[in-house]
């Protein structure tokens, strides 16, 4: 099951196979793991603790 399928299933009130990672969960993770500087490490800790999808916001190229 993909992350998108998990979120859609949860929005329908059904049970996904594991907890989906929402797009705004980074705010919670930043507070919950305040001692961790690296965002990827926070996502990996959340995966281990909550079973969420790993979601990494990578840098994007500048738009013209």
Protein backbone atom coordinates (compact mmCIF):
# COMPACT_ATOMS: atom_id res chain seq x y z
CA UNK A 1 0.00 0.00 0.00
CA UNK A 2 1.38 3.42 -0.92
CA UNK A 3 1.37 6.47 1.33
CA UNK A 4 -1.34 8.05 -0.80
CA UNK A 5 -3.53 4.96 -0.49
CA UNK A 6 -3.01 4.98 3.29
CA UNK A 7 -4.11 8.61 3.63
CA UNK A 8 -7.16 8.11 1.39
CA UNK A 9 -8.15 4.99 3.30
CA UNK A 10 -7.83 6.82 6.63
CA UNK A 11 -9.90 9.75 5.29
CA UNK A 12 -12.64 7.27 4.35
CA UNK A 13 -12.64 6.01 7.95
CA UNK A 14 -11.06 2.67 7.03
CA UNK A 15 -8.05 1.04 8.67
CA UNK A 16 -4.76 1.47 6.73
CA UNK A 17 -2.02 -1.15 7.05
CA UNK A 18 0.09 1.35 9.04
CA UNK A 19 -0.03 5.00 10.08
CA UNK A 20 0.22 7.37 7.08
CA UNK A 21 2.64 10.30 7.20
CA UNK A 22 0.74 13.52 6.58
CA UNK A 23 2.27 16.51 4.85
CA UNK A 24 2.14 18.73 7.94
CA UNK A 25 3.39 16.20 10.45
CA UNK A 26 6.84 17.87 10.32
CA UNK A 27 5.61 20.52 12.77
CA UNK A 28 4.70 17.88 15.32
CA UNK A 29 7.92 15.95 14.75
CA UNK A 30 10.02 19.09 15.16
CA UNK A 31 8.45 19.66 18.60
CA UNK A 32 8.38 15.97 19.59
CA UNK A 33 12.03 15.41 18.62
CA UNK A 34 13.30 18.88 19.48
CA UNK A 35 16.77 17.58 20.30
CA UNK A 36 17.24 16.18 16.74
CA UNK A 37 18.52 18.65 14.13
CA UNK A 38 18.35 16.51 10.96
CA UNK A 39 14.82 16.29 9.45
CA UNK A 40 15.52 12.89 7.88
CA UNK A 41 16.63 11.53 11.25
CA UNK A 42 13.36 12.85 12.77
CA UNK A 43 11.38 11.02 10.08
CA UNK A 44 13.30 7.81 10.75
CA UNK A 45 12.68 8.14 14.50
CA UNK A 46 8.97 8.68 13.81
CA UNK A 47 8.98 5.57 11.61
CA UNK A 48 10.51 3.54 14.43
CA UNK A 49 8.25 4.98 17.14
CA UNK A 50 4.91 5.39 15.32
CA UNK A 51 5.30 3.17 12.23
CA UNK A 52 4.72 6.10 9.86
CA UNK A 53 5.81 6.35 6.25
CA UNK A 54 9.22 7.91 5.77
CA UNK A 55 8.77 11.29 4.08
CA UNK A 56 11.74 13.42 3.18
CA UNK A 57 11.47 17.00 1.95
CA UNK A 58 14.45 17.31 -0.35
CA UNK A 59 15.78 20.52 -1.84
CA UNK A 60 14.22 21.49 -5.13
CA UNK A 61 15.86 23.29 -8.03
CA UNK A 62 15.05 26.99 -8.39
CA UNK A 63 12.21 27.82 -10.74
CA UNK A 64 12.91 30.06 -13.74
